[in-house]
Every structure is written in C-alpha cells, then in structure tokens.
N, C-alpha and C. Protein backbone atom coordinates (compact mmCIF):
# COMPACT_ATOMS: atom_id res chain seq x y z
N MET A 1 -30.69 -1.25 30.47
CA MET A 1 -30.80 -0.57 28.89
C MET A 1 -29.84 0.43 29.01
N LYS A 2 -28.94 0.50 29.86
CA LYS A 2 -27.73 1.63 30.14
C LYS A 2 -26.57 0.83 29.52
N LYS A 3 -26.48 -0.65 29.93
CA LYS A 3 -25.77 -1.44 29.55
C LYS A 3 -25.54 -1.95 27.91
N LEU A 4 -26.88 -1.94 27.66
CA LEU A 4 -26.96 -2.25 26.08
C LEU A 4 -26.47 -1.13 25.17
N PHE A 5 -27.02 0.33 25.91
CA PHE A 5 -26.71 1.13 24.93
C PHE A 5 -24.39 1.28 24.68
N VAL A 6 -23.85 0.87 25.95
CA VAL A 6 -22.78 1.03 26.23
C VAL A 6 -21.93 -0.20 24.97
N LEU A 7 -22.59 -1.16 25.44
CA LEU A 7 -22.06 -2.19 24.76
C LEU A 7 -22.37 -1.89 22.75
N LEU A 8 -23.66 -1.47 22.94
CA LEU A 8 -23.44 -1.23 21.53
C LEU A 8 -22.23 0.07 21.10
N PHE A 9 -22.76 0.88 21.77
CA PHE A 9 -20.96 1.63 21.33
C PHE A 9 -20.23 1.55 21.46
N VAL A 10 -19.16 0.41 22.21
CA VAL A 10 -18.05 -0.40 22.37
C VAL A 10 -18.01 -0.71 20.55
N LEU A 11 -19.04 -1.85 20.30
CA LEU A 11 -19.12 -2.41 19.19
C LEU A 11 -18.76 -1.38 18.06
N ILE A 12 -19.64 -0.05 18.10
CA ILE A 12 -19.63 0.87 16.99
C ILE A 12 -18.00 1.10 16.92
N ILE A 13 -17.21 1.54 17.75
CA ILE A 13 -16.00 1.88 18.00
C ILE A 13 -14.85 1.22 17.35
N ALA A 14 -15.32 -0.19 18.04
CA ALA A 14 -14.13 -1.39 17.73
C ALA A 14 -14.39 -1.96 16.35
N VAL A 15 -15.47 -1.63 15.21
CA VAL A 15 -15.55 -1.98 14.04
C VAL A 15 -14.75 -1.88 12.87
N PRO A 16 -14.25 -0.26 13.05
CA PRO A 16 -13.22 0.05 12.59
C PRO A 16 -11.94 -0.56 12.77
N THR A 17 -11.71 -0.95 13.86
CA THR A 17 -10.49 -1.42 13.92
C THR A 17 -10.22 -2.76 13.64
N PHE A 18 -11.68 -3.79 13.34
CA PHE A 18 -10.91 -5.23 13.27
C PHE A 18 -11.22 -5.07 11.60
N ALA A 19 -11.39 -3.76 10.92
CA ALA A 19 -11.51 -3.75 9.38
C ALA A 19 -10.11 -4.33 8.79
N GLN A 20 -10.05 -4.91 7.65
CA GLN A 20 -8.80 -5.87 7.40
C GLN A 20 -8.54 -5.51 5.79
N LEU A 21 -7.35 -4.74 5.40
CA LEU A 21 -7.96 -4.77 3.96
C LEU A 21 -7.66 -6.07 3.08
N LYS A 22 -8.53 -5.96 2.42
CA LYS A 22 -8.59 -7.26 1.07
C LYS A 22 -7.92 -6.85 -0.42
N SER A 23 -7.56 -7.70 -0.53
CA SER A 23 -6.59 -8.03 -2.18
C SER A 23 -7.52 -7.48 -2.81
N ASN A 24 -8.71 -7.71 -2.88
CA ASN A 24 -9.80 -6.66 -3.85
C ASN A 24 -9.85 -5.64 -3.97
N GLN A 25 -9.15 -4.45 -3.06
CA GLN A 25 -9.01 -3.55 -2.53
C GLN A 25 -7.82 -2.85 -3.39
N VAL A 26 -6.90 -3.87 -3.38
CA VAL A 26 -5.86 -3.46 -3.71
C VAL A 26 -5.71 -3.41 -5.17
N VAL A 27 -6.64 -4.71 -6.22
CA VAL A 27 -6.41 -5.02 -7.12
C VAL A 27 -5.95 -3.43 -8.29
N GLY A 28 -5.59 -3.30 -8.96
CA GLY A 28 -6.01 -2.12 -10.47
C GLY A 28 -4.68 -1.56 -10.27
N ASN A 29 -4.74 -0.40 -11.00
CA ASN A 29 -3.84 0.49 -10.81
C ASN A 29 -3.54 2.06 -10.21
N TRP A 30 -2.62 1.73 -9.88
CA TRP A 30 -2.21 2.86 -8.42
C TRP A 30 -1.41 3.88 -8.80
N LYS A 31 -1.26 5.28 -8.81
CA LYS A 31 -0.43 6.12 -9.18
C LYS A 31 -0.04 6.82 -8.17
N TYR A 32 1.63 6.71 -7.85
CA TYR A 32 2.65 7.05 -6.64
C TYR A 32 3.05 7.82 -7.43
N THR A 33 3.57 9.06 -6.14
CA THR A 33 4.59 9.95 -6.21
C THR A 33 5.89 9.80 -4.93
N VAL A 34 6.79 9.92 -4.82
CA VAL A 34 8.11 9.68 -4.56
C VAL A 34 8.80 11.26 -3.96
N VAL A 35 9.03 11.50 -2.95
CA VAL A 35 9.36 12.89 -2.90
C VAL A 35 10.96 12.57 -2.10
N THR A 36 11.98 13.03 -3.22
CA THR A 36 13.43 12.52 -2.31
C THR A 36 14.09 13.78 -2.57
N ASP A 37 15.34 14.05 -1.92
CA ASP A 37 15.72 15.35 -1.69
C ASP A 37 16.46 15.70 -3.45
N GLU A 38 16.90 14.74 -3.86
CA GLU A 38 16.97 15.18 -5.17
C GLU A 38 15.71 15.17 -6.44
N ALA A 39 14.59 14.68 -6.22
CA ALA A 39 13.95 14.37 -6.91
C ALA A 39 12.19 14.18 -6.96
N GLU A 40 11.50 14.47 -7.31
CA GLU A 40 10.03 13.42 -7.02
C GLU A 40 10.02 12.43 -8.32
N LEU A 41 9.70 11.47 -7.78
CA LEU A 41 9.41 9.84 -8.89
C LEU A 41 8.14 9.48 -8.60
N THR A 42 7.45 9.51 -9.87
CA THR A 42 6.18 8.96 -10.16
C THR A 42 6.60 7.83 -10.65
N GLY A 43 4.90 6.82 -10.72
CA GLY A 43 5.10 5.70 -11.66
C GLY A 43 3.57 5.09 -11.29
N VAL A 44 3.18 3.88 -11.60
CA VAL A 44 2.66 3.21 -11.16
C VAL A 44 2.28 1.84 -10.83
N PHE A 45 2.03 1.62 -9.51
CA PHE A 45 1.88 0.19 -8.68
C PHE A 45 0.61 -0.42 -10.15
N LYS A 46 1.32 -1.69 -10.54
CA LYS A 46 -0.12 -2.11 -10.75
C LYS A 46 -0.41 -3.50 -10.16
N PHE A 47 -1.67 -4.22 -9.55
CA PHE A 47 -1.95 -5.02 -8.98
C PHE A 47 -2.74 -5.84 -9.61
N VAL A 48 -2.19 -7.38 -9.52
CA VAL A 48 -3.43 -8.05 -10.48
C VAL A 48 -3.53 -9.36 -8.87
N GLU A 49 -4.71 -10.19 -9.08
CA GLU A 49 -4.98 -11.25 -8.30
C GLU A 49 -4.64 -12.86 -9.43
N LYS A 50 -3.87 -13.44 -9.33
CA LYS A 50 -3.91 -14.45 -9.59
C LYS A 50 -3.66 -15.90 -8.90
N ASP A 51 -4.55 -17.14 -9.20
CA ASP A 51 -4.50 -18.05 -8.11
C ASP A 51 -4.34 -17.51 -6.93
N GLY A 52 -5.37 -16.92 -6.54
CA GLY A 52 -6.10 -16.49 -5.28
C GLY A 52 -5.14 -15.41 -4.52
N LYS A 53 -3.34 -15.40 -5.50
CA LYS A 53 -2.72 -14.33 -4.74
C LYS A 53 -2.12 -12.83 -5.46
N LEU A 54 -2.44 -12.12 -4.68
CA LEU A 54 -1.72 -10.67 -5.26
C LEU A 54 -0.65 -10.60 -5.65
N THR A 55 -0.27 -10.22 -6.74
CA THR A 55 0.92 -9.91 -7.52
C THR A 55 0.73 -8.99 -8.37
N GLY A 56 2.04 -7.79 -8.55
CA GLY A 56 2.28 -6.94 -9.22
C GLY A 56 3.54 -6.46 -9.27
N GLU A 57 3.55 -5.60 -9.74
CA GLU A 57 5.00 -4.99 -9.90
C GLU A 57 4.74 -3.17 -10.18
N VAL A 58 5.57 -2.12 -10.47
CA VAL A 58 6.11 -1.19 -10.51
C VAL A 58 6.62 -0.53 -11.84
N VAL A 59 5.61 0.47 -12.69
CA VAL A 59 5.88 0.79 -14.13
C VAL A 59 6.72 2.14 -13.32
N THR A 60 7.98 2.58 -13.62
CA THR A 60 8.01 3.92 -13.19
C THR A 60 8.02 4.87 -14.50
N SER A 61 7.95 5.90 -14.33
CA SER A 61 8.18 7.05 -15.17
C SER A 61 9.10 6.94 -16.29
N GLU A 62 9.64 6.27 -16.07
CA GLU A 62 11.22 6.43 -17.06
C GLU A 62 10.96 4.86 -17.74
N SER A 63 9.42 4.17 -17.82
CA SER A 63 9.27 2.81 -18.41
C SER A 63 9.96 1.46 -18.43
N TYR A 64 10.30 1.99 -16.89
CA TYR A 64 11.25 0.49 -16.30
C TYR A 64 9.79 -0.23 -15.62
N THR A 65 10.21 -1.82 -15.91
CA THR A 65 9.31 -2.34 -14.82
C THR A 65 9.81 -3.47 -14.13
N ILE A 66 9.40 -3.66 -12.91
CA ILE A 66 10.16 -4.18 -11.96
C ILE A 66 8.88 -4.91 -11.09
N PRO A 67 9.32 -6.05 -10.46
CA PRO A 67 8.25 -6.56 -10.37
C PRO A 67 7.84 -6.85 -8.85
N PHE A 68 7.25 -7.10 -8.26
CA PHE A 68 7.10 -6.95 -6.73
C PHE A 68 7.54 -8.64 -6.18
N THR A 69 8.76 -8.15 -5.27
CA THR A 69 8.95 -10.14 -4.85
C THR A 69 8.09 -10.39 -3.17
N LYS A 70 7.31 -9.19 -2.80
CA LYS A 70 6.80 -9.47 -2.04
C LYS A 70 5.57 -8.78 -2.09
N ILE A 71 4.46 -9.19 -1.65
CA ILE A 71 3.28 -8.00 -1.14
C ILE A 71 2.63 -9.06 0.04
N GLU A 72 2.03 -8.03 0.93
CA GLU A 72 1.40 -8.55 2.16
C GLU A 72 0.33 -7.44 2.50
N LEU A 73 -0.44 -7.97 3.18
CA LEU A 73 -1.52 -7.11 3.73
C LEU A 73 -2.00 -7.53 5.07
N LYS A 74 -1.24 -6.15 5.87
CA LYS A 74 -1.29 -6.16 7.18
C LYS A 74 -2.45 -5.42 8.04
N GLU A 75 -2.32 -5.60 9.28
CA GLU A 75 -3.50 -5.03 10.25
C GLU A 75 -3.33 -3.76 9.91
N ALA A 76 -4.70 -2.84 10.22
CA ALA A 76 -4.54 -1.66 10.07
C ALA A 76 -4.38 -1.13 8.70
N ASN A 77 -5.13 -1.64 7.57
CA ASN A 77 -5.13 -1.28 6.18
C ASN A 77 -3.71 -1.23 5.99
N THR A 78 -2.74 -1.84 5.77
CA THR A 78 -1.32 -1.28 5.85
C THR A 78 -1.00 -2.36 4.77
N LEU A 79 -0.64 -1.79 3.85
CA LEU A 79 0.23 -2.51 2.44
C LEU A 79 1.61 -2.37 2.72
N TYR A 80 2.20 -3.81 2.47
CA TYR A 80 3.91 -3.60 2.64
C TYR A 80 4.36 -4.34 1.54
N LEU A 81 4.95 -3.83 0.56
CA LEU A 81 5.96 -4.20 -0.48
C LEU A 81 7.17 -4.22 -0.37
N GLU A 82 7.73 -5.14 -1.31
CA GLU A 82 9.46 -5.35 -1.21
C GLU A 82 9.61 -5.23 -3.31
N LEU A 83 10.78 -5.15 -3.55
CA LEU A 83 11.13 -5.41 -4.74
C LEU A 83 12.48 -5.27 -4.65
N ARG A 84 12.84 -5.47 -5.60
CA ARG A 84 14.53 -6.06 -5.79
C ARG A 84 15.38 -4.70 -7.44
N THR A 85 15.74 -3.96 -7.02
CA THR A 85 16.20 -3.59 -8.39
C THR A 85 17.86 -4.05 -8.40
N GLU A 86 18.79 -4.01 -9.41
CA GLU A 86 19.95 -4.29 -9.61
C GLU A 86 20.86 -4.41 -8.52
N SER A 87 20.77 -3.24 -7.84
CA SER A 87 21.87 -2.95 -7.02
C SER A 87 21.04 -2.83 -5.48
N ASP A 88 19.66 -3.16 -5.41
CA ASP A 88 19.17 -2.80 -3.43
C ASP A 88 17.53 -2.96 -3.60
N ILE A 89 17.06 -3.05 -2.21
CA ILE A 89 16.07 -3.91 -1.93
C ILE A 89 15.00 -2.21 -1.89
N ILE A 90 13.91 -2.47 -1.65
CA ILE A 90 13.14 -1.15 -1.67
C ILE A 90 12.17 -2.10 -0.88
N LYS A 91 11.51 -1.15 0.24
CA LYS A 91 10.28 -2.10 1.15
C LYS A 91 9.49 -0.38 1.32
N VAL A 92 8.70 -0.71 0.93
CA VAL A 92 7.42 0.20 0.40
C VAL A 92 6.19 -0.12 2.04
N SER A 93 5.81 0.85 2.62
CA SER A 93 5.38 0.38 4.05
C SER A 93 4.04 1.82 3.57
N VAL A 94 2.99 1.73 3.26
CA VAL A 94 1.67 2.42 2.90
C VAL A 94 0.18 2.15 3.83
N LYS A 95 -0.40 2.96 3.92
CA LYS A 95 -1.62 2.80 4.83
C LYS A 95 -2.60 2.98 3.92
N VAL A 96 -3.67 2.20 3.48
CA VAL A 96 -4.73 2.07 2.60
C VAL A 96 -5.97 3.06 2.83
N ASP A 97 -6.42 4.28 2.17
CA ASP A 97 -7.57 4.61 2.92
C ASP A 97 -8.58 4.82 1.74
N LYS A 98 -8.90 3.46 1.45
CA LYS A 98 -9.88 3.53 0.01
C LYS A 98 -9.79 3.79 -0.97
N LYS A 99 -9.59 5.11 -1.95
CA LYS A 99 -8.54 4.95 -2.67
C LYS A 99 -7.00 6.07 -2.79
N THR A 100 -6.85 6.05 -1.81
CA THR A 100 -5.40 6.55 -1.87
C THR A 100 -4.45 6.07 -0.41
N PHE A 101 -3.47 6.08 -0.67
CA PHE A 101 -2.49 5.56 0.21
C PHE A 101 -1.52 6.60 0.69
N LYS A 102 -0.86 6.30 1.83
CA LYS A 102 0.35 7.44 2.13
C LYS A 102 1.42 6.56 3.29
N GLY A 103 2.16 6.40 2.90
CA GLY A 103 3.41 5.73 3.75
C GLY A 103 4.71 6.17 3.22
N THR A 104 6.03 5.39 3.71
CA THR A 104 7.22 5.56 3.48
C THR A 104 8.00 4.28 2.45
N GLY A 105 9.02 4.62 1.96
CA GLY A 105 9.65 3.66 1.09
C GLY A 105 11.06 3.84 1.29
N SER A 106 11.80 2.69 1.65
CA SER A 106 13.05 2.67 2.35
C SER A 106 14.24 1.96 1.63
N SER A 107 15.23 2.22 0.99
CA SER A 107 16.20 1.56 0.63
C SER A 107 17.30 2.02 1.15
N SER A 108 18.79 1.19 0.69
CA SER A 108 20.12 1.57 1.33
C SER A 108 19.93 2.76 1.45
N GLN A 109 19.68 3.66 0.76
CA GLN A 109 19.76 5.10 0.31
C GLN A 109 19.09 6.39 1.53
N GLY A 110 18.35 5.37 2.56
CA GLY A 110 17.04 6.17 3.27
C GLY A 110 16.34 6.15 3.11
N GLU A 111 14.82 6.92 3.57
CA GLU A 111 13.50 7.04 3.70
C GLU A 111 13.22 7.97 2.68
N ALA A 112 12.18 7.62 2.46
CA ALA A 112 11.45 8.64 1.97
C ALA A 112 10.07 8.72 1.77
N PRO A 113 8.93 9.96 1.79
CA PRO A 113 7.62 9.81 1.86
C PRO A 113 7.24 9.02 0.58
N ILE A 114 6.01 8.39 0.53
CA ILE A 114 5.47 8.42 -0.62
C ILE A 114 3.76 8.17 -0.46
N SER A 115 2.76 8.58 -1.84
CA SER A 115 1.80 8.69 -1.55
C SER A 115 0.99 8.31 -2.84
N GLY A 116 -0.36 7.67 -2.90
CA GLY A 116 -0.85 7.66 -4.15
C GLY A 116 -2.37 7.99 -4.64
N VAL A 117 -2.80 7.42 -5.26
CA VAL A 117 -4.32 7.02 -5.74
C VAL A 117 -4.92 6.26 -6.63
N LYS A 118 -5.54 5.78 -6.47
CA LYS A 118 -5.95 4.57 -7.56
C LYS A 118 -6.34 5.24 -8.59
N MET A 119 -6.03 4.84 -9.73
CA MET A 119 -6.49 4.83 -10.88
C MET A 119 -7.91 4.07 -10.91
N GLU A 120 -8.73 5.49 -11.85
CA GLU A 120 -10.53 4.36 -12.43
C GLU A 120 -10.34 4.00 -13.57
C-alpha cells in the first residue's frame, strides 16, 4: 500500500511536467507590453491556425503589421517567436500560463522583458 501511495504521489507531481502547450491555447489575440529604457511598447500578437499550422502577426500600437517568420511551441509551455523588420530580427521567448505570458524579447539592440494577456 505504501508503494502505491508513493507511485501515485510521483505521478501527480510529474503530470504538469509533461504538459505541453498546444496551438489551440495560443490561437487568438494577445495584448503585449515591452518595457525598454526609452519607452513602453504595446500592441497585439494575433495567432490563427491555418491548415494545421500556427501562424500570426504583430500589430503595433502605431498600426504597423509584421508577420511572424517562426512560431514554435516548446517544452514547459514556452512559446518561441521570430519576426523580421526592415533592419533587424526580433526573437521572443515567453512562458505561457493559461491566459498570460512573460518572457524576453531580443534584437540587435539588446533584451527587454515582455508580458501579455489573452484578450477575450
């Protein structure tokens, strides 16, 4: 009985570790905020699923639209994104927790924290 209890305890702890972020959890609009030394940047990440593949774009607060060139769902509920501007590649890695995310964005100018919330 003691072994059964220990096995059950281990399984309960391990199940969240094996949880994987799924594309249907990402699909939708996410309002984001990036805090830099110069300013606070905001906008919306828009994700859709087309032909079984997750695609999307960024719409900045200045109404610029930039498509994501790479979207990857990684282990531990991590979402990795890349987008190209005229002069740079921006890489974003965030940890998704239900309807929020936090992480970092990086470009040739450095790194900055990014956070967001899924819009209903």
